[in-house]
C-alpha atoms as a PDB file:
ATOM      1  CA  UNK A   1     117.831 -15.875  27.363  1.00  0.00           C
ATOM      2  CA  UNK A   2     119.185 -19.696  28.314  1.00  0.00           C
ATOM      3  CA  UNK A   3     116.365 -21.155  30.523  1.00  0.00           C
ATOM      4  CA  UNK A   4     117.182 -22.610  34.283  1.00  0.00           C
ATOM      5  CA  UNK A   5     115.378 -25.869  35.529  1.00  0.00           C
ATOM      6  CA  UNK A   6     114.930 -26.995  38.707  1.00  0.00           C
ATOM      7  CA  UNK A   7     116.178 -30.452  39.987  1.00  0.00           C
ATOM      8  CA  UNK A   8     113.711 -32.942  38.957  1.00  0.00           C
ATOM      9  CA  UNK A   9     113.504 -36.693  38.813  1.00  0.00           C
ATOM     10  CA  UNK A  10     112.822 -38.303  35.222  1.00  0.00           C
ATOM     11  CA  UNK A  11     109.926 -37.120  33.190  1.00  0.00           C
ATOM     12  CA  UNK A  12     108.060 -40.157  33.033  1.00  0.00           C
ATOM     13  CA  UNK A  13     107.602 -39.859  37.287  1.00  0.00           C
ATOM     14  CA  UNK A  14     105.847 -36.445  36.616  1.00  0.00           C
ATOM     15  CA  UNK A  15     102.403 -36.163  35.247  1.00  0.00           C
ATOM     16  CA  UNK A  16     100.521 -35.236  33.474  1.00  0.00           C
ATOM     17  CA  UNK A  17     102.205 -36.066  29.983  1.00  0.00           C
ATOM     18  CA  UNK A  18     105.423 -37.621  30.997  1.00  0.00           C
ATOM     19  CA  UNK A  19     107.343 -36.420  27.740  1.00  0.00           C
ATOM     20  CA  UNK A  20     111.159 -35.137  28.440  1.00  0.00           C
ATOM     21  CA  UNK A  21     110.202 -30.797  27.002  1.00  0.00           C
ATOM     22  CA  UNK A  22     123.319 -40.611  20.096  1.00  0.00           C
ATOM     23  CA  UNK A  23     125.835 -40.011  21.898  1.00  0.00           C
ATOM     24  CA  UNK A  24     127.669 -41.723  19.208  1.00  0.00           C
ATOM     25  CA  UNK A  25     131.220 -42.508  20.452  1.00  0.00           C
ATOM     26  CA  UNK A  26     130.713 -39.792  22.995  1.00  0.00           C
ATOM     27  CA  UNK A  27     133.170 -41.342  26.137  1.00  0.00           C
ATOM     28  CA  UNK A  28     132.345 -45.256  24.466  1.00  0.00           C
ATOM     29  CA  UNK A  29     134.100 -47.990  23.619  1.00  0.00           C
ATOM     30  CA  UNK A  30     134.975 -48.380  19.827  1.00  0.00           C
ATOM     31  CA  UNK A  31     132.894 -51.486  20.024  1.00  0.00           C
ATOM     32  CA  UNK A  32     129.744 -49.281  19.812  1.00  0.00           C
ATOM     33  CA  UNK A  33     126.971 -51.139  18.736  1.00  0.00           C
ATOM     34  CA  UNK A  34     125.862 -54.646  20.942  1.00  0.00           C
ATOM     35  CA  UNK A  35     123.325 -56.991  21.350  1.00  0.00           C
ATOM     36  CA  UNK A  36     122.651 -58.977  24.197  1.00  0.00           C
ATOM     37  CA  UNK A  37     119.916 -60.500  26.212  1.00  0.00           C
ATOM     38  CA  UNK A  38     118.031 -59.315  29.308  1.00  0.00           C
ATOM     39  CA  UNK A  39     115.359 -60.850  31.171  1.00  0.00           C
ATOM     40  CA  UNK A  40     114.372 -63.032  27.655  1.00  0.00           C
ATOM     41  CA  UNK A  41     114.675 -59.769  25.813  1.00  0.00           C
ATOM     42  CA  UNK A  42     117.513 -58.988  23.410  1.00  0.00           C
ATOM     43  CA  UNK A  43     118.344 -55.320  22.884  1.00  0.00           C
ATOM     44  CA  UNK A  44     120.779 -54.204  19.501  1.00  0.00           C
ATOM     45  CA  UNK A  45     121.873 -51.062  18.934  1.00  0.00           C
ATOM     46  CA  UNK A  46     124.970 -48.568  19.610  1.00  0.00           C
ATOM     47  CA  UNK A  47     124.657 -45.618  21.916  1.00  0.00           C
ATOM     48  CA  UNK A  48     122.714 -42.851  20.821  1.00  0.00           C
ATOM     49  CA  UNK A  49     120.253 -44.425  18.467  1.00  0.00           C
ATOM     50  CA  UNK A  50     116.905 -46.274  19.507  1.00  0.00           C
ATOM     51  CA  UNK A  51     117.368 -49.191  20.551  1.00  0.00           C
ATOM     52  CA  UNK A  52     115.827 -52.199  18.987  1.00  0.00           C
ATOM     53  CA  UNK A  53     113.779 -54.883  21.266  1.00  0.00           C
ATOM     54  CA  UNK A  54     112.837 -58.457  20.339  1.00  0.00           C
ATOM     55  CA  UNK A  55     110.734 -59.704  23.191  1.00  0.00           C
ATOM     56  CA  UNK A  56     111.408 -63.194  22.743  1.00  0.00           C
ATOM     57  CA  UNK A  57     108.100 -65.584  24.155  1.00  0.00           C
ATOM     58  CA  UNK A  58     109.143 -65.207  27.993  1.00  0.00           C
ATOM     59  CA  UNK A  59     110.052 -62.009  29.166  1.00  0.00           C
ATOM     60  CA  UNK A  60     110.150 -61.776  33.008  1.00  0.00           C
ATOM     61  CA  UNK A  61     111.090 -59.379  35.520  1.00  0.00           C
ATOM     62  CA  UNK A  62     111.330 -58.819  39.225  1.00  0.00           C
ATOM     63  CA  UNK A  63     110.719 -56.799  42.037  1.00  0.00           C
ATOM     64  CA  UNK A  64     114.717 -56.825  42.692  1.00  0.00           C
ATOM     65  CA  UNK A  65     116.966 -54.681  39.502  1.00  0.00           C
ATOM     66  CA  UNK A  66     118.471 -56.445  37.071  1.00  0.00           C
ATOM     67  CA  UNK A  67     121.053 -55.179  34.867  1.00  0.00           C
ATOM     68  CA  UNK A  68     123.522 -54.813  32.291  1.00  0.00           C
ATOM     69  CA  UNK A  69     125.808 -52.626  30.487  1.00  0.00           C
ATOM     70  CA  UNK A  70     125.400 -53.520  26.564  1.00  0.00           C
ATOM     71  CA  UNK A  71     128.068 -50.899  25.703  1.00  0.00           C
ATOM     72  CA  UNK A  72     130.605 -49.851  27.997  1.00  0.00           C
ATOM     73  CA  UNK A  73     131.842 -46.088  28.415  1.00  0.00           C
ATOM     74  CA  UNK A  74     135.548 -44.935  28.702  1.00  0.00           C
ATOM     75  CA  UNK A  75     134.183 -41.353  31.089  1.00  0.00           C
ATOM     76  CA  UNK A  76     134.102 -40.835  34.219  1.00  0.00           C
ATOM     77  CA  UNK A  77     132.206 -42.831  36.824  1.00  0.00           C
ATOM     78  CA  UNK A  78     128.661 -42.565  37.596  1.00  0.00           C
ATOM     79  CA  UNK A  79     128.250 -42.041  41.622  1.00  0.00           C
ATOM     80  CA  UNK A  80     125.029 -41.625  44.002  1.00  0.00           C
ATOM     81  CA  UNK A  81     125.956 -37.866  43.755  1.00  0.00           C
ATOM     82  CA  UNK A  82     126.045 -36.725  40.063  1.00  0.00           C
ATOM     83  CA  UNK A  83     123.456 -35.417  37.941  1.00  0.00           C
ATOM     84  CA  UNK A  84     122.994 -37.780  34.634  1.00  0.00           C
ATOM     85  CA  UNK A  85     122.542 -36.431  31.807  1.00  0.00           C
ATOM     86  CA  UNK A  86     120.447 -39.839  29.714  1.00  0.00           C
ATOM     87  CA  UNK A  87     118.335 -41.149  26.644  1.00  0.00           C
ATOM     88  CA  UNK A  88     116.244 -43.792  27.673  1.00  0.00           C
ATOM     89  CA  UNK A  89     113.775 -45.993  26.399  1.00  0.00           C
ATOM     90  CA  UNK A  90     110.898 -48.129  28.648  1.00  0.00           C
ATOM     91  CA  UNK A  91     109.067 -50.797  27.637  1.00  0.00           C
ATOM     92  CA  UNK A  92     106.429 -53.115  28.853  1.00  0.00           C
ATOM     93  CA  UNK A  93     106.992 -56.760  28.902  1.00  0.00           C
ATOM     94  CA  UNK A  94     103.978 -57.355  29.073  1.00  0.00           C
ATOM     95  CA  UNK A  95     102.073 -55.841  25.940  1.00  0.00           C
ATOM     96  CA  UNK A  96     105.322 -56.026  24.387  1.00  0.00           C
ATOM     97  CA  UNK A  97     105.117 -52.332  23.204  1.00  0.00           C
ATOM     98  CA  UNK A  98     106.802 -48.595  24.071  1.00  0.00           C
ATOM     99  CA  UNK A  99     105.515 -47.043  26.894  1.00  0.00           C
ATOM    100  CA  UNK A 100     107.572 -44.264  27.158  1.00  0.00           C
ATOM    101  CA  UNK A 101     111.089 -42.702  25.470  1.00  0.00           C
ATOM    102  CA  UNK A 102     113.125 -39.317  24.946  1.00  0.00           C
ATOM    103  CA  UNK A 103     114.619 -40.137  21.727  1.00  0.00           C
ATOM    104  CA  UNK A 104     113.520 -37.616  19.128  1.00  0.00           C
ATOM    105  CA  UNK A 105     113.319 -35.139  22.019  1.00  0.00           C
ATOM    106  CA  UNK A 106     116.036 -33.874  24.666  1.00  0.00           C
ATOM    107  CA  UNK A 107     117.770 -35.820  27.036  1.00  0.00           C
ATOM    108  CA  UNK A 108     116.697 -35.724  30.840  1.00  0.00           C
ATOM    109  CA  UNK A 109     119.244 -34.525  33.104  1.00  0.00           C
ATOM    110  CA  UNK A 110     118.352 -37.136  36.329  1.00  0.00           C
ATOM    111  CA  UNK A 111     119.584 -36.321  39.859  1.00  0.00           C
ATOM    112  CA  UNK A 112     120.436 -39.976  41.435  1.00  0.00           C
ATOM    113  CA  UNK A 113     120.994 -37.882  45.204  1.00  0.00           C
ATOM    114  CA  UNK A 114     117.178 -37.015  45.248  1.00  0.00           C
ATOM    115  CA  UNK A 115     114.977 -38.494  47.048  1.00  0.00           C
ATOM    116  CA  UNK A 116     112.167 -38.490  44.262  1.00  0.00           C
ATOM    117  CA  UNK A 117     114.331 -40.774  41.947  1.00  0.00           C
ATOM    118  CA  UNK A 118     113.597 -44.998  42.978  1.00  0.00           C
ATOM    119  CA  UNK A 119     116.537 -46.953  43.471  1.00  0.00           C
ATOM    120  CA  UNK A 120     114.937 -48.740  40.562  1.00  0.00           C
ATOM    121  CA  UNK A 121     116.402 -45.704  38.149  1.00  0.00           C
ATOM    122  CA  UNK A 122     119.295 -45.435  40.296  1.00  0.00           C
ATOM    123  CA  UNK A 123     120.805 -48.589  40.642  1.00  0.00           C
ATOM    124  CA  UNK A 124     121.371 -49.340  36.960  1.00  0.00           C
ATOM    125  CA  UNK A 125     123.354 -46.276  36.474  1.00  0.00           C
ATOM    126  CA  UNK A 126     125.900 -46.290  39.832  1.00  0.00           C
ATOM    127  CA  UNK A 127     129.301 -47.130  39.081  1.00  0.00           C
ATOM    128  CA  UNK A 128     128.551 -47.354  34.937  1.00  0.00           C
ATOM    129  CA  UNK A 129     131.055 -44.953  32.781  1.00  0.00           C
ATOM    130  CA  UNK A 130     129.778 -41.804  30.460  1.00  0.00           C
ATOM    131  CA  UNK A 131     129.429 -43.078  27.571  1.00  0.00           C
ATOM    132  CA  UNK A 132     127.542 -46.618  28.458  1.00  0.00           C
ATOM    133  CA  UNK A 133     124.441 -47.778  27.449  1.00  0.00           C
ATOM    134  CA  UNK A 134     122.439 -50.129  30.014  1.00  0.00           C
ATOM    135  CA  UNK A 135     119.796 -52.330  29.938  1.00  0.00           C
ATOM    136  CA  UNK A 136     117.773 -53.251  32.566  1.00  0.00           C
ATOM    137  CA  UNK A 137     114.348 -55.127  34.219  1.00  0.00           C
ATOM    138  CA  UNK A 138     111.877 -55.050  37.134  1.00  0.00           C
ATOM    139  CA  UNK A 139     108.369 -54.621  37.808  1.00  0.00           C
ATOM    140  CA  UNK A 140     106.180 -51.539  37.363  1.00  0.00           C
ATOM    141  CA  UNK A 141     105.593 -51.298  41.468  1.00  0.00           C
ATOM    142  CA  UNK A 142     108.731 -50.907  41.796  1.00  0.00           C
ATOM    143  CA  UNK A 143     109.277 -47.884  39.554  1.00  0.00           C
ATOM    144  CA  UNK A 144     105.843 -46.439  39.869  1.00  0.00           C
ATOM    145  CA  UNK A 145     104.294 -48.076  43.147  1.00  0.00           C
ATOM    146  CA  UNK A 146     101.442 -49.752  43.862  1.00  0.00           C
ATOM    147  CA  UNK A 147      98.915 -48.020  41.309  1.00  0.00           C
ATOM    148  CA  UNK A 148     101.131 -49.095  38.044  1.00  0.00           C
ATOM    149  CA  UNK A 149     101.165 -46.033  35.336  1.00  0.00           C
ATOM    150  CA  UNK A 150      97.399 -45.895  33.818  1.00  0.00           C
ATOM    151  CA  UNK A 151      98.466 -42.863  31.742  1.00  0.00           C
ATOM    152  CA  UNK A 152     101.491 -45.052  30.006  1.00  0.00           C
ATOM    153  CA  UNK A 153      99.606 -48.489  29.927  1.00  0.00           C
ATOM    154  CA  UNK A 154     101.525 -50.106  32.723  1.00  0.00           C
ATOM    155  CA  UNK A 155      99.728 -52.325  35.721  1.00  0.00           C
ATOM    156  CA  UNK A 156     101.686 -52.536  38.716  1.00  0.00           C
ATOM    157  CA  UNK A 157     103.238 -55.763  37.935  1.00  0.00           C
ATOM    158  CA  UNK A 158     104.441 -55.360  34.362  1.00  0.00           C
ATOM    159  CA  UNK A 159     107.138 -56.529  33.658  1.00  0.00           C
ATOM    160  CA  UNK A 160     109.493 -53.685  32.268  1.00  0.00           C
ATOM    161  CA  UNK A 161     112.467 -53.230  29.900  1.00  0.00           C
ATOM    162  CA  UNK A 162     114.494 -50.145  30.774  1.00  0.00           C
ATOM    163  CA  UNK A 163     117.262 -49.371  28.175  1.00  0.00           C
ATOM    164  CA  UNK A 164     119.682 -45.857  28.945  1.00  0.00           C
ATOM    165  CA  UNK A 165     122.077 -43.890  27.459  1.00  0.00           C
ATOM    166  CA  UNK A 166     124.312 -42.162  29.820  1.00  0.00           C
ATOM    167  CA  UNK A 167     125.736 -39.347  27.911  1.00  0.00           C
ATOM    168  CA  UNK A 168     126.744 -36.669  31.043  1.00  0.00           C
ATOM    169  CA  UNK A 169     128.732 -35.256  32.916  1.00  0.00           C
ATOM    170  CA  UNK A 170     131.959 -34.797  32.150  1.00  0.00           C
ATOM    171  CA  UNK A 171     133.884 -32.381  34.668  1.00  0.00           C
ATOM    172  CA  UNK A 172     136.201 -30.076  33.580  1.00  0.00           C
ATOM    173  CA  UNK A 173     140.252 -30.676  34.180  1.00  0.00           C
ATOM    174  CA  UNK A 174     140.939 -27.715  35.839  1.00  0.00           C
ATOM    175  CA  UNK A 175     139.350 -25.470  38.882  1.00  0.00           C
ATOM    176  CA  UNK A 176     138.759 -21.504  37.702  1.00  0.00           C
ATOM    177  CA  UNK A 177     141.557 -19.254  37.443  1.00  0.00           C
ATOM    178  CA  UNK A 178     139.840 -15.833  39.158  1.00  0.00           C
ATOM    179  CA  UNK A 179     141.907 -13.791  37.374  1.00  0.00           C
ATOM    180  CA  UNK A 180     141.147 -13.887  32.934  1.00  0.00           C
ATOM    181  CA  UNK A 181     142.704 -13.591  30.092  1.00  0.00           C
ATOM    182  CA  UNK A 182     142.707 -11.986  26.599  1.00  0.00           C
ATOM    183  CA  UNK A 183     139.245 -10.233  26.972  1.00  0.00           C
ATOM    184  CA  UNK A 184     137.898 -12.093  29.679  1.00  0.00           C
ATOM    185  CA  UNK A 185     136.901 -10.026  32.895  1.00  0.00           C
ATOM    186  CA  UNK A 186     137.953 -11.481  36.291  1.00  0.00           C
ATOM    187  CA  UNK A 187     135.790 -14.061  38.083  1.00  0.00           C
ATOM    188  CA  UNK A 188     134.062 -14.067  41.943  1.00  0.00           C
ATOM    189  CA  UNK A 189     134.159 -17.384  43.150  1.00  0.00           C
ATOM    190  CA  UNK A 190     132.627 -19.332  45.407  1.00  0.00           C
ATOM    191  CA  UNK A 191     133.692 -20.704  48.652  1.00  0.00           C
ATOM    192  CA  UNK A 192     133.276 -23.974  46.258  1.00  0.00           C
ATOM    193  CA  UNK A 193     135.463 -22.386  43.461  1.00  0.00           C
ATOM    194  CA  UNK A 194     132.657 -21.880  41.097  1.00  0.00           C
ATOM    195  CA  UNK A 195     131.803 -18.253  39.687  1.00  0.00           C
ATOM    196  CA  UNK A 196     129.143 -16.192  40.934  1.00  0.00           C
ATOM    197  CA  UNK A 197     130.146 -12.732  39.412  1.00  0.00           C
ATOM    198  CA  UNK A 198     132.088 -11.111  37.007  1.00  0.00           C
ATOM    199  CA  UNK A 199     134.373  -8.028  37.192  1.00  0.00           C
ATOM    200  CA  UNK A 200     135.996  -5.980  33.979  1.00  0.00           C
ATOM    201  CA  UNK A 201     137.831  -3.810  35.510  1.00  0.00           C
ATOM    202  CA  UNK A 202     141.165  -3.113  33.399  1.00  0.00           C
ATOM    203  CA  UNK A 203     139.514  -5.772  30.932  1.00  0.00           C
ATOM    204  CA  UNK A 204     139.523  -4.697  27.117  1.00  0.00           C
ATOM    205  CA  UNK A 205     136.227  -2.951  25.697  1.00  0.00           C
ATOM    206  CA  UNK A 206     134.022  -5.378  23.778  1.00  0.00           C
ATOM    207  CA  UNK A 207     134.803  -5.485  19.865  1.00  0.00           C
ATOM    208  CA  UNK A 208     131.243  -5.731  18.837  1.00  0.00           C
ATOM    209  CA  UNK A 209     132.463  -9.096  17.283  1.00  0.00           C
ATOM    210  CA  UNK A 210     132.003 -12.679  18.746  1.00  0.00           C
ATOM    211  CA  UNK A 211     135.241 -13.304  20.991  1.00  0.00           C
ATOM    212  CA  UNK A 212     135.466 -17.064  21.420  1.00  0.00           C
ATOM    213  CA  UNK A 213     138.775 -18.228  24.083  1.00  0.00           C
ATOM    214  CA  UNK A 214     138.711 -21.901  24.650  1.00  0.00           C
ATOM    215  CA  UNK A 215     140.652 -22.308  28.625  1.00  0.00           C
ATOM    216  CA  UNK A 216     140.701 -26.122  28.703  1.00  0.00           C
ATOM    217  CA  UNK A 217     140.494 -28.386  25.737  1.00  0.00           C
ATOM    218  CA  UNK A 218     138.389 -31.516  27.122  1.00  0.00           C
ATOM    219  CA  UNK A 219     138.892 -34.662  25.832  1.00  0.00           C
ATOM    220  CA  UNK A 220     135.344 -35.930  24.754  1.00  0.00           C
ATOM    221  CA  UNK A 221     133.531 -35.829  21.107  1.00  0.00           C
ATOM    222  CA  UNK A 222     133.378 -32.892  19.083  1.00  0.00           C
ATOM    223  CA  UNK A 223     130.187 -30.487  19.942  1.00  0.00           C
ATOM    224  CA  UNK A 224     128.008 -30.431  16.230  1.00  0.00           C
ATOM    225  CA  UNK A 225     125.262 -28.437  15.147  1.00  0.00           C
ATOM    226  CA  UNK A 226     121.568 -29.384  16.252  1.00  0.00           C
ATOM    227  CA  UNK A 227     123.293 -31.621  19.302  1.00  0.00           C
ATOM    228  CA  UNK A 228     121.361 -31.240  22.584  1.00  0.00           C
ATOM    229  CA  UNK A 229     124.326 -29.739  25.071  1.00  0.00           C
ATOM    230  CA  UNK A 230     124.542 -30.662  28.928  1.00  0.00           C
ATOM    231  CA  UNK A 231     126.409 -26.669  30.510  1.00  0.00           C
ATOM    232  CA  UNK A 232     126.994 -25.228  33.499  1.00  0.00           C
ATOM    233  CA  UNK A 233     127.390 -21.518  32.628  1.00  0.00           C
ATOM    234  CA  UNK A 234     127.114 -17.961  34.312  1.00  0.00           C
ATOM    235  CA  UNK A 235     126.289 -15.185  32.348  1.00  0.00           C
ATOM    236  CA  UNK A 236     126.812 -11.112  32.888  1.00  0.00           C
ATOM    237  CA  UNK A 237     126.209  -8.267  30.588  1.00  0.00           C
ATOM    238  CA  UNK A 238     129.688  -6.205  29.845  1.00  0.00           C
ATOM    239  CA  UNK A 239     130.102  -3.998  33.049  1.00  0.00           C
ATOM    240  CA  UNK A 240     127.786  -5.123  34.727  1.00  0.00           C
ATOM    241  CA  UNK A 241     127.919  -5.561  39.019  1.00  0.00           C
ATOM    242  CA  UNK A 242     126.833  -9.227  38.721  1.00  0.00           C
ATOM    243  CA  UNK A 243     125.239 -12.036  36.155  1.00  0.00           C
ATOM    244  CA  UNK A 244     121.931 -12.084  35.191  1.00  0.00           C
ATOM    245  CA  UNK A 245     121.817 -16.013  35.299  1.00  0.00           C
ATOM    246  CA  UNK A 246     124.066 -19.250  36.312  1.00  0.00           C
ATOM    247  CA  UNK A 247     123.339 -22.749  36.446  1.00  0.00           C
ATOM    248  CA  UNK A 248     126.159 -23.156  39.252  1.00  0.00           C
ATOM    249  CA  UNK A 249     123.649 -22.852  41.977  1.00  0.00           C
ATOM    250  CA  UNK A 250     121.174 -25.379  40.146  1.00  0.00           C
ATOM    251  CA  UNK A 251     121.302 -27.608  37.796  1.00  0.00           C
ATOM    252  CA  UNK A 252     123.285 -27.819  34.179  1.00  0.00           C
ATOM    253  CA  UNK A 253     121.143 -27.049  31.379  1.00  0.00           C
ATOM    254  CA  UNK A 254     120.377 -29.339  28.362  1.00  0.00           C
ATOM    255  CA  UNK A 255     119.665 -27.391  25.157  1.00  0.00           C
ATOM    256  CA  UNK A 256     119.765 -27.217  21.055  1.00  0.00           C
ATOM    257  CA  UNK A 257     122.436 -26.103  19.682  1.00  0.00           C
ATOM    258  CA  UNK A 258     120.218 -25.246  16.932  1.00  0.00           C
ATOM    259  CA  UNK A 259     117.670 -22.116  15.742  1.00  0.00           C
ATOM    260  CA  UNK A 260     115.302 -21.442  18.533  1.00  0.00           C
ATOM    261  CA  UNK A 261     117.343 -23.162  21.152  1.00  0.00           C
ATOM    262  CA  UNK A 262     119.647 -20.949  22.121  1.00  0.00           C
ATOM    263  CA  UNK A 263     121.192 -17.709  20.928  1.00  0.00           C
ATOM    264  CA  UNK A 264     123.099 -17.905  17.875  1.00  0.00           C
ATOM    265  CA  UNK A 265     126.439 -16.330  19.814  1.00  0.00           C
ATOM    266  CA  UNK A 266     126.354 -19.917  21.966  1.00  0.00           C
ATOM    267  CA  UNK A 267     125.800 -22.181  18.451  1.00  0.00           C
ATOM    268  CA  UNK A 268     128.613 -20.293  17.125  1.00  0.00           C
ATOM    269  CA  UNK A 269     131.408 -20.334  20.284  1.00  0.00           C
ATOM    270  CA  UNK A 270     130.355 -23.823  21.103  1.00  0.00           C
ATOM    271  CA  UNK A 271     130.049 -25.797  18.142  1.00  0.00           C
ATOM    272  CA  UNK A 272     133.626 -27.190  17.379  1.00  0.00           C
ATOM    273  CA  UNK A 273     134.468 -27.091  21.196  1.00  0.00           C
ATOM    274  CA  UNK A 274     134.600 -30.412  22.652  1.00  0.00           C
ATOM    275  CA  UNK A 275     133.113 -32.008  25.477  1.00  0.00           C
ATOM    276  CA  UNK A 276     135.168 -31.711  28.848  1.00  0.00           C
ATOM    277  CA  UNK A 277     136.048 -27.698  27.401  1.00  0.00           C
ATOM    278  CA  UNK A 278     135.891 -24.899  29.211  1.00  0.00           C
ATOM    279  CA  UNK A 279     134.523 -21.498  26.781  1.00  0.00           C
ATOM    280  CA  UNK A 280     134.645 -17.938  27.567  1.00  0.00           C
ATOM    281  CA  UNK A 281     132.571 -15.982  24.569  1.00  0.00           C
ATOM    282  CA  UNK A 282     132.288 -12.227  24.471  1.00  0.00           C
ATOM    283  CA  UNK A 283     128.627 -12.122  22.185  1.00  0.00           C
ATOM    284  CA  UNK A 284     127.654  -8.637  20.324  1.00  0.00           C
ATOM    285  CA  UNK A 285     123.601  -8.092  20.493  1.00  0.00           C
ATOM    286  CA  UNK A 286     123.627  -9.305  16.327  1.00  0.00           C
ATOM    287  CA  UNK A 287     124.334 -12.800  17.670  1.00  0.00           C
ATOM    288  CA  UNK A 288     122.382 -12.093  21.594  1.00  0.00           C
ATOM    289  CA  UNK A 289     119.135 -11.060  21.935  1.00  0.00           C
ATOM    290  CA  UNK A 290     119.292  -8.096  18.782  1.00  0.00           C
ATOM    291  CA  UNK A 291     118.173  -4.416  19.014  1.00  0.00           C
ATOM    292  CA  UNK A 292     115.047  -5.919  21.077  1.00  0.00           C
ATOM    293  CA  UNK A 293     117.718  -7.121  23.915  1.00  0.00           C
ATOM    294  CA  UNK A 294     115.841  -8.766  27.082  1.00  0.00           C
ATOM    295  CA  UNK A 295     113.791  -7.056  29.179  1.00  0.00           C
ATOM    296  CA  UNK A 296     113.490  -9.902  31.977  1.00  0.00           C
ATOM    297  CA  UNK A 297     116.837  -9.970  32.042  1.00  0.00           C
ATOM    298  CA  UNK A 298     117.550  -6.428  32.186  1.00  0.00           C
ATOM    299  CA  UNK A 299     119.315  -6.879  28.564  1.00  0.00           C
ATOM    300  CA  UNK A 300     119.696  -3.697  26.266  1.00  0.00           C
ATOM    301  CA  UNK A 301     119.784  -4.247  22.525  1.00  0.00           C
ATOM    302  CA  UNK A 302     123.229  -2.910  22.883  1.00  0.00           C
ATOM    303  CA  UNK A 303     124.404  -4.908  25.190  1.00  0.00           C
ATOM    304  CA  UNK A 304     127.805  -7.547  24.775  1.00  0.00           C
ATOM    305  CA  UNK A 305     127.527 -10.040  26.754  1.00  0.00           C
ATOM    306  CA  UNK A 306     129.950 -12.786  28.617  1.00  0.00           C
ATOM    307  CA  UNK A 307     129.328 -15.891  28.918  1.00  0.00           C
ATOM    308  CA  UNK A 308     131.934 -18.736  30.765  1.00  0.00           C
ATOM    309  CA  UNK A 309     130.836 -22.150  29.920  1.00  0.00           C
ATOM    310  CA  UNK A 310     131.862 -26.254  31.184  1.00  0.00           C
ATOM    311  CA  UNK A 311     130.543 -28.179  28.328  1.00  0.00           C
ATOM    312  CA  UNK A 312     129.376 -31.425  30.796  1.00  0.00           C
ATOM    313  CA  UNK A 313     128.011 -33.439  27.891  1.00  0.00           C
ATOM    314  CA  UNK A 314     126.525 -34.091  24.222  1.00  0.00           C
ATOM    315  CA  UNK A 315     123.758 -35.867  22.763  1.00  0.00           C
ATOM    316  CA  UNK A 316     123.293 -35.583  18.962  1.00  0.00           C
ATOM    317  CA  UNK A 317     119.299 -35.036  17.720  1.00  0.00           C
ATOM    318  CA  UNK A 318     118.275 -38.942  17.567  1.00  0.00           C
ATOM    319  CA  UNK A 319     116.031 -39.658  15.523  1.00  0.00           C
ATOM    320  CA  UNK A 320     112.636 -40.495  16.726  1.00  0.00           C
ATOM    321  CA  UNK A 321     111.282 -43.787  18.028  1.00  0.00           C
ATOM    322  CA  UNK A 322     108.719 -43.810  15.594  1.00  0.00           C
ATOM    323  CA  UNK A 323     111.426 -44.131  13.107  1.00  0.00           C
ATOM    324  CA  UNK A 324     113.317 -47.360  14.222  1.00  0.00           C
ATOM    325  CA  UNK A 325     110.488 -49.671  15.937  1.00  0.00           C
ATOM    326  CA  UNK A 326     111.227 -52.124  18.252  1.00  0.00           C
ATOM    327  CA  UNK A 327     110.998 -55.528  16.997  1.00  0.00           C
ATOM    328  CA  UNK A 328     109.049 -58.493  18.635  1.00  0.00           C
ATOM    329  CA  UNK A 329     108.217 -62.395  18.441  1.00  0.00           C
ATOM    330  CA  UNK A 330     104.550 -60.752  18.794  1.00  0.00           C
ATOM    331  CA  UNK A 331     105.284 -58.234  16.193  1.00  0.00           C
ATOM    332  CA  UNK A 332     104.128 -55.194  18.404  1.00  0.00           C
ATOM    333  CA  UNK A 333     102.826 -52.237  16.474  1.00  0.00           C
ATOM    334  CA  UNK A 334     102.040 -48.679  17.692  1.00  0.00           C
END
């Protein structure tokens, strides 16, 4: 079944491995690529692509975060209550080398309301719009504390350069309806209007084929095969009384629409949809968990499974950092 993840800060704050397990134009401006100087370094590139960095001769940073928007987005504005999906790159200005990056990996969802997230991460993102690329400078002690981060080769006063691509979330434009349409079951909603269960009485029986109904057409970019997507969802077996999984009571899921990332019913049903959409799926066993089913979720090999999904963001499968090396006056190599 699709995995669930607790709320967390960026992977760089979580030892020991410090790695997370582009949004080319998604909500961004027509000027998708830019070059700007910050702290003496120059950052070049477009949203969703590994940033190129020329460190210059005198890169500097202070404990007070300084930031600039390199590429302005046109999506929703990030607030202190946002769960923001980002790709990020952090470099050490002392060694003029990359310290950590998510490019080529799964994007991270950063809970800006969490007390575990330092201001050095939240401040550069506050008030920017989804689709933006933001660069910021800060010293390492403001991010990692007085001990720095030895695993990343960062001392406590090293100057850091951070680049964020803000990929989500978009909000779906209308509240849920309790009454299903077409093949969709009716929904049971909580006090906040989010779905907690499905009711199949009076609804058509499954057809044995994939059924897709787009309830809301979002205004973002089209989702493509292989993309990472940020979604909220609830899933339930046909005619069962309660869901086997839901993200509405925890945190949006980020997953790859590729083989091994999610079940094939999701890939076939979500590819071609746009960010900001709400989609119903009825998925037969052949495009779900097959004849073996999923015992952990109590899904049998003959069960049709239903999902209602809100598509909140997307990020293309970006090239890994090693394929696009940052450049600098010291010509560092990794």
